[in-house]
Amino acid sequence: MMQVEQLKAEITLLTDEDFARLRRWFADKDWERWDQQIEDDAASGKLDFLIDEAKTAKKQNLLREV
């Protein structure tokens, strides 16, 4: 696998069009990883505290329509 410094050097040689394609690909890949992390955290119960907070806020009538 290429080292980060090698990748940086190669990226500087890209045409504007290829750089834009790489940037879009990288952004998409970043979102895919984020989505997977959220799914994993939800499945493992790491986000259950958010549900608990929402239920508590609802019981205390602290929620408002958006």
PDB file of N, CA and C in Angstrom:
ATOM      1  N   MET A   1       0.848  -1.193   0.000  1.00  0.00           N
ATOM      2  CA  MET A   1       0.000   0.000   0.000  1.00  0.00           C
ATOM      3  C   MET A   1       0.886   1.247   0.000  1.00  0.00           C
ATOM      4  N   MET A   2       0.456   2.235  -0.742  1.00  0.00           N
ATOM      5  CA  MET A   2       1.224   3.476  -0.842  1.00  0.00           C
ATOM      6  C   MET A   2       1.187   4.235   0.478  1.00  0.00           C
ATOM      7  N   GLN A   3       2.249   4.894   0.754  1.00  0.00           N
ATOM      8  CA  GLN A   3       2.313   5.750   1.930  1.00  0.00           C
ATOM      9  C   GLN A   3       1.579   7.058   1.635  1.00  0.00           C
ATOM     10  N   VAL A   4       1.151   7.722   2.697  1.00  0.00           N
ATOM     11  CA  VAL A   4       0.410   8.972   2.554  1.00  0.00           C
ATOM     12  C   VAL A   4       1.214  10.006   1.767  1.00  0.00           C
ATOM     13  N   GLU A   5       2.488  10.096   2.028  1.00  0.00           N
ATOM     14  CA  GLU A   5       3.306  11.080   1.311  1.00  0.00           C
ATOM     15  C   GLU A   5       3.345  10.786  -0.185  1.00  0.00           C
ATOM     16  N   GLN A   6       3.379   9.521  -0.552  1.00  0.00           N
ATOM     17  CA  GLN A   6       3.355   9.158  -1.973  1.00  0.00           C
ATOM     18  C   GLN A   6       2.018   9.546  -2.589  1.00  0.00           C
ATOM     19  N   LEU A   7       0.946   9.295  -1.859  1.00  0.00           N
ATOM     20  CA  LEU A   7      -0.378   9.665  -2.351  1.00  0.00           C
ATOM     21  C   LEU A   7      -0.480  11.175  -2.548  1.00  0.00           C
ATOM     22  N   LYS A   8       0.009  11.927  -1.588  1.00  0.00           N
ATOM     23  CA  LYS A   8      -0.017  13.386  -1.708  1.00  0.00           C
ATOM     24  C   LYS A   8       0.720  13.847  -2.965  1.00  0.00           C
ATOM     25  N   ALA A   9       1.876  13.276  -3.199  1.00  0.00           N
ATOM     26  CA  ALA A   9       2.660  13.652  -4.376  1.00  0.00           C
ATOM     27  C   ALA A   9       1.904  13.327  -5.657  1.00  0.00           C
ATOM     28  N   GLU A  10       1.281  12.164  -5.714  1.00  0.00           N
ATOM     29  CA  GLU A  10       0.514  11.778  -6.899  1.00  0.00           C
ATOM     30  C   GLU A  10      -0.688  12.693  -7.096  1.00  0.00           C
ATOM     31  N   ILE A  11      -1.341  13.070  -6.013  1.00  0.00           N
ATOM     32  CA  ILE A  11      -2.520  13.926  -6.105  1.00  0.00           C
ATOM     33  C   ILE A  11      -2.161  15.284  -6.693  1.00  0.00           C
ATOM     34  N   THR A  12      -1.007  15.798  -6.349  1.00  0.00           N
ATOM     35  CA  THR A  12      -0.607  17.106  -6.892  1.00  0.00           C
ATOM     36  C   THR A  12      -0.421  17.067  -8.405  1.00  0.00           C
ATOM     37  N   LEU A  13      -0.261  15.894  -8.973  1.00  0.00           N
ATOM     38  CA  LEU A  13      -0.066  15.753 -10.417  1.00  0.00           C
ATOM     39  C   LEU A  13      -1.375  15.572 -11.186  1.00  0.00           C
ATOM     40  N   LEU A  14      -2.482  15.428 -10.479  1.00  0.00           N
ATOM     41  CA  LEU A  14      -3.764  15.194 -11.142  1.00  0.00           C
ATOM     42  C   LEU A  14      -4.227  16.421 -11.915  1.00  0.00           C
ATOM     43  N   THR A  15      -4.935  16.160 -13.000  1.00  0.00           N
ATOM     44  CA  THR A  15      -5.589  17.255 -13.720  1.00  0.00           C
ATOM     45  C   THR A  15      -6.728  17.772 -12.846  1.00  0.00           C
ATOM     46  N   ASP A  16      -7.234  18.943 -13.170  1.00  0.00           N
ATOM     47  CA  ASP A  16      -8.355  19.494 -12.405  1.00  0.00           C
ATOM     48  C   ASP A  16      -9.551  18.552 -12.431  1.00  0.00           C
ATOM     49  N   GLU A  17      -9.803  17.960 -13.598  1.00  0.00           N
ATOM     50  CA  GLU A  17     -10.935  17.043 -13.735  1.00  0.00           C
ATOM     51  C   GLU A  17     -10.747  15.810 -12.856  1.00  0.00           C
ATOM     52  N   ASP A  18      -9.581  15.214 -12.900  1.00  0.00           N
ATOM     53  CA  ASP A  18      -9.324  14.031 -12.079  1.00  0.00           C
ATOM     54  C   ASP A  18      -9.322  14.369 -10.592  1.00  0.00           C
ATOM     55  N   PHE A  19      -8.825  15.542 -10.254  1.00  0.00           N
ATOM     56  CA  PHE A  19      -8.838  15.968  -8.859  1.00  0.00           C
ATOM     57  C   PHE A  19     -10.273  16.102  -8.362  1.00  0.00           C
ATOM     58  N   ALA A  20     -11.143  16.672  -9.191  1.00  0.00           N
ATOM     59  CA  ALA A  20     -12.554  16.817  -8.824  1.00  0.00           C
ATOM     60  C   ALA A  20     -13.204  15.445  -8.649  1.00  0.00           C
ATOM     61  N   ARG A  21     -12.887  14.506  -9.545  1.00  0.00           N
ATOM     62  CA  ARG A  21     -13.422  13.145  -9.424  1.00  0.00           C
ATOM     63  C   ARG A  21     -12.936  12.482  -8.142  1.00  0.00           C
ATOM     64  N   LEU A  22     -11.663  12.661  -7.823  1.00  0.00           N
ATOM     65  CA  LEU A  22     -11.108  12.089  -6.600  1.00  0.00           C
ATOM     66  C   LEU A  22     -11.772  12.696  -5.369  1.00  0.00           C
ATOM     67  N   ARG A  23     -11.973  14.000  -5.406  1.00  0.00           N
ATOM     68  CA  ARG A  23     -12.604  14.688  -4.280  1.00  0.00           C
ATOM     69  C   ARG A  23     -14.024  14.170  -4.058  1.00  0.00           C
ATOM     70  N   ARG A  24     -14.779  13.985  -5.134  1.00  0.00           N
ATOM     71  CA  ARG A  24     -16.142  13.444  -5.012  1.00  0.00           C
ATOM     72  C   ARG A  24     -16.099  12.028  -4.462  1.00  0.00           C
ATOM     73  N   TRP A  25     -15.183  11.212  -4.983  1.00  0.00           N
ATOM     74  CA  TRP A  25     -15.052   9.830  -4.516  1.00  0.00           C
ATOM     75  C   TRP A  25     -14.708   9.803  -3.031  1.00  0.00           C
ATOM     76  N   PHE A  26     -13.762  10.659  -2.633  1.00  0.00           N
ATOM     77  CA  PHE A  26     -13.330  10.694  -1.242  1.00  0.00           C
ATOM     78  C   PHE A  26     -14.475  11.121  -0.331  1.00  0.00           C
ATOM     79  N   ALA A  27     -15.240  12.118  -0.736  1.00  0.00           N
ATOM     80  CA  ALA A  27     -16.384  12.578   0.055  1.00  0.00           C
ATOM     81  C   ALA A  27     -17.421  11.469   0.182  1.00  0.00           C
ATOM     82  N   ASP A  28     -17.703  10.775  -0.923  1.00  0.00           N
ATOM     83  CA  ASP A  28     -18.654   9.659  -0.879  1.00  0.00           C
ATOM     84  C   ASP A  28     -18.166   8.565   0.061  1.00  0.00           C
ATOM     85  N   LYS A  29     -16.893   8.235  -0.015  1.00  0.00           N
ATOM     86  CA  LYS A  29     -16.309   7.198   0.839  1.00  0.00           C
ATOM     87  C   LYS A  29     -16.393   7.611   2.312  1.00  0.00           C
ATOM     88  N   ASP A  30     -16.146   8.885   2.574  1.00  0.00           N
ATOM     89  CA  ASP A  30     -16.220   9.405   3.938  1.00  0.00           C
ATOM     90  C   ASP A  30     -17.635   9.254   4.490  1.00  0.00           C
ATOM     91  N   TRP A  31     -18.649   9.598   3.681  1.00  0.00           N
ATOM     92  CA  TRP A  31     -20.038   9.452   4.120  1.00  0.00           C
ATOM     93  C   TRP A  31     -20.400   7.989   4.327  1.00  0.00           C
ATOM     94  N   GLU A  32     -19.906   7.105   3.464  1.00  0.00           N
ATOM     95  CA  GLU A  32     -20.173   5.674   3.631  1.00  0.00           C
ATOM     96  C   GLU A  32     -19.639   5.178   4.971  1.00  0.00           C
ATOM     97  N   ARG A  33     -18.438   5.593   5.314  1.00  0.00           N
ATOM     98  CA  ARG A  33     -17.850   5.188   6.602  1.00  0.00           C
ATOM     99  C   ARG A  33     -18.654   5.758   7.762  1.00  0.00           C
ATOM    100  N   TRP A  34     -19.076   7.001   7.640  1.00  0.00           N
ATOM    101  CA  TRP A  34     -19.881   7.639   8.678  1.00  0.00           C
ATOM    102  C   TRP A  34     -21.194   6.878   8.858  1.00  0.00           C
ATOM    103  N   ASP A  35     -21.873   6.588   7.754  1.00  0.00           N
ATOM    104  CA  ASP A  35     -23.131   5.843   7.824  1.00  0.00           C
ATOM    105  C   ASP A  35     -22.935   4.491   8.486  1.00  0.00           C
ATOM    106  N   GLN A  36     -21.869   3.797   8.133  1.00  0.00           N
ATOM    107  CA  GLN A  36     -21.598   2.486   8.720  1.00  0.00           C
ATOM    108  C   GLN A  36     -21.332   2.608  10.217  1.00  0.00           C
ATOM    109  N   GLN A  37     -20.612   3.636  10.620  1.00  0.00           N
ATOM    110  CA  GLN A  37     -20.328   3.840  12.041  1.00  0.00           C
ATOM    111  C   GLN A  37     -21.616   4.091  12.820  1.00  0.00           C
ATOM    112  N   ILE A  38     -22.513   4.897  12.257  1.00  0.00           N
ATOM    113  CA  ILE A  38     -23.799   5.162  12.906  1.00  0.00           C
ATOM    114  C   ILE A  38     -24.596   3.865  13.027  1.00  0.00           C
ATOM    115  N   GLU A  39     -24.644   3.078  11.956  1.00  0.00           N
ATOM    116  CA  GLU A  39     -25.356   1.802  11.999  1.00  0.00           C
ATOM    117  C   GLU A  39     -24.764   0.877  13.053  1.00  0.00           C
ATOM    118  N   ASP A  40     -23.451   0.789  13.099  1.00  0.00           N
ATOM    119  CA  ASP A  40     -22.786  -0.068  14.086  1.00  0.00           C
ATOM    120  C   ASP A  40     -23.062   0.407  15.509  1.00  0.00           C
ATOM    121  N   ASP A  41     -22.982   1.710  15.718  1.00  0.00           N
ATOM    122  CA  ASP A  41     -23.236   2.257  17.051  1.00  0.00           C
ATOM    123  C   ASP A  41     -24.683   2.037  17.477  1.00  0.00           C
ATOM    124  N   ALA A  42     -25.610   2.208  16.548  1.00  0.00           N
ATOM    125  CA  ALA A  42     -27.019   1.989  16.862  1.00  0.00           C
ATOM    126  C   ALA A  42     -27.272   0.526  17.204  1.00  0.00           C
ATOM    127  N   ALA A  43     -26.701  -0.372  16.426  1.00  0.00           N
ATOM    128  CA  ALA A  43     -26.899  -1.807  16.657  1.00  0.00           C
ATOM    129  C   ALA A  43     -26.295  -2.258  17.984  1.00  0.00           C
ATOM    130  N   SER A  44     -25.218  -1.623  18.397  1.00  0.00           N
ATOM    131  CA  SER A  44     -24.554  -2.033  19.638  1.00  0.00           C
ATOM    132  C   SER A  44     -25.133  -1.346  20.872  1.00  0.00           C
ATOM    133  N   GLY A  45     -26.083  -0.429  20.662  1.00  0.00           N
ATOM    134  CA  GLY A  45     -26.713   0.244  21.795  1.00  0.00           C
ATOM    135  C   GLY A  45     -26.023   1.525  22.232  1.00  0.00           C
ATOM    136  N   LYS A  46     -24.975   1.915  21.536  1.00  0.00           N
ATOM    137  CA  LYS A  46     -24.239   3.119  21.933  1.00  0.00           C
ATOM    138  C   LYS A  46     -25.067   4.399  21.802  1.00  0.00           C
ATOM    139  N   LEU A  47     -26.129   4.350  21.011  1.00  0.00           N
ATOM    140  CA  LEU A  47     -26.951   5.542  20.811  1.00  0.00           C
ATOM    141  C   LEU A  47     -28.260   5.500  21.593  1.00  0.00           C
ATOM    142  N   ASP A  48     -28.433   4.469  22.396  1.00  0.00           N
ATOM    143  CA  ASP A  48     -29.666   4.333  23.170  1.00  0.00           C
ATOM    144  C   ASP A  48     -29.906   5.523  24.094  1.00  0.00           C
ATOM    145  N   PHE A  49     -28.840   6.155  24.541  1.00  0.00           N
ATOM    146  CA  PHE A  49     -28.997   7.312  25.421  1.00  0.00           C
ATOM    147  C   PHE A  49     -29.784   8.428  24.732  1.00  0.00           C
ATOM    148  N   LEU A  50     -29.700   8.513  23.409  1.00  0.00           N
ATOM    149  CA  LEU A  50     -30.454   9.538  22.683  1.00  0.00           C
ATOM    150  C   LEU A  50     -31.954   9.274  22.764  1.00  0.00           C
ATOM    151  N   ILE A  51     -32.325   8.013  22.664  1.00  0.00           N
ATOM    152  CA  ILE A  51     -33.734   7.639  22.795  1.00  0.00           C
ATOM    153  C   ILE A  51     -34.212   7.954  24.203  1.00  0.00           C
ATOM    154  N   ASP A  52     -33.396   7.607  25.190  1.00  0.00           N
ATOM    155  CA  ASP A  52     -33.752   7.891  26.583  1.00  0.00           C
ATOM    156  C   ASP A  52     -33.929   9.388  26.815  1.00  0.00           C
ATOM    157  N   GLU A  53     -33.030  10.189  26.271  1.00  0.00           N
ATOM    158  CA  GLU A  53     -33.141  11.642  26.417  1.00  0.00           C
ATOM    159  C   GLU A  53     -34.413  12.163  25.763  1.00  0.00           C
ATOM    160  N   ALA A  54     -34.748  11.640  24.599  1.00  0.00           N
ATOM    161  CA  ALA A  54     -35.954  12.081  23.897  1.00  0.00           C
ATOM    162  C   ALA A  54     -37.207  11.689  24.672  1.00  0.00           C
ATOM    163  N   LYS A  55     -37.227  10.484  25.217  1.00  0.00           N
ATOM    164  CA  LYS A  55     -38.385  10.047  26.013  1.00  0.00           C
ATOM    165  C   LYS A  55     -38.546  10.922  27.253  1.00  0.00           C
ATOM    166  N   THR A  56     -37.448  11.237  27.900  1.00  0.00           N
ATOM    167  CA  THR A  56     -37.494  12.095  29.084  1.00  0.00           C
ATOM    168  C   THR A  56     -37.996  13.485  28.716  1.00  0.00           C
ATOM    169  N   ALA A  57     -37.492  14.032  27.634  1.00  0.00           N
ATOM    170  CA  ALA A  57     -37.924  15.357  27.183  1.00  0.00           C
ATOM    171  C   ALA A  57     -39.409  15.355  26.841  1.00  0.00           C
ATOM    172  N   LYS A  58     -39.889  14.271  26.249  1.00  0.00           N
ATOM    173  CA  LYS A  58     -41.316  14.182  25.912  1.00  0.00           C
ATOM    174  C   LYS A  58     -42.158  14.143  27.176  1.00  0.00           C
ATOM    175  N   LYS A  59     -41.741  13.347  28.155  1.00  0.00           N
ATOM    176  CA  LYS A  59     -42.477  13.260  29.424  1.00  0.00           C
ATOM    177  C   LYS A  59     -42.526  14.615  30.123  1.00  0.00           C
ATOM    178  N   GLN A  60     -41.467  15.390  29.987  1.00  0.00           N
ATOM    179  CA  GLN A  60     -41.396  16.704  30.631  1.00  0.00           C
ATOM    180  C   GLN A  60     -41.991  17.803  29.751  1.00  0.00           C
ATOM    181  N   ASN A  61     -42.576  17.394  28.638  1.00  0.00           N
ATOM    182  CA  ASN A  61     -43.214  18.319  27.698  1.00  0.00           C
ATOM    183  C   ASN A  61     -42.228  19.395  27.204  1.00  0.00           C
ATOM    184  N   LEU A  62     -41.010  18.980  26.934  1.00  0.00           N
ATOM    185  CA  LEU A  62     -39.979  19.906  26.471  1.00  0.00           C
ATOM    186  C   LEU A  62     -39.800  19.895  24.956  1.00  0.00           C
ATOM    187  N   LEU A  63     -40.526  19.031  24.275  1.00  0.00           N
ATOM    188  CA  LEU A  63     -40.399  18.941  22.819  1.00  0.00           C
ATOM    189  C   LEU A  63     -41.312  19.956  22.154  1.00  0.00           C
ATOM    190  N   ARG A  64     -40.912  20.412  20.993  1.00  0.00           N
ATOM    191  CA  ARG A  64     -41.748  21.349  20.243  1.00  0.00           C
ATOM    192  C   ARG A  64     -41.813  20.914  18.788  1.00  0.00           C
ATOM    193  N   GLU A  65     -42.880  21.288  18.134  1.00  0.00           N
ATOM    194  CA  GLU A  65     -43.062  20.969  16.718  1.00  0.00           C
ATOM    195  C   GLU A  65     -42.072  21.771  15.885  1.00  0.00           C
ATOM    196  N   VAL A  66     -41.611  21.148  14.828  1.00  0.00           N
ATOM    197  CA  VAL A  66     -40.679  21.835  13.943  1.00  0.00           C
ATOM    198  C   VAL A  66     -41.324  22.086  12.605  1.00  0.00           C
TER     199      VAL A  66
END
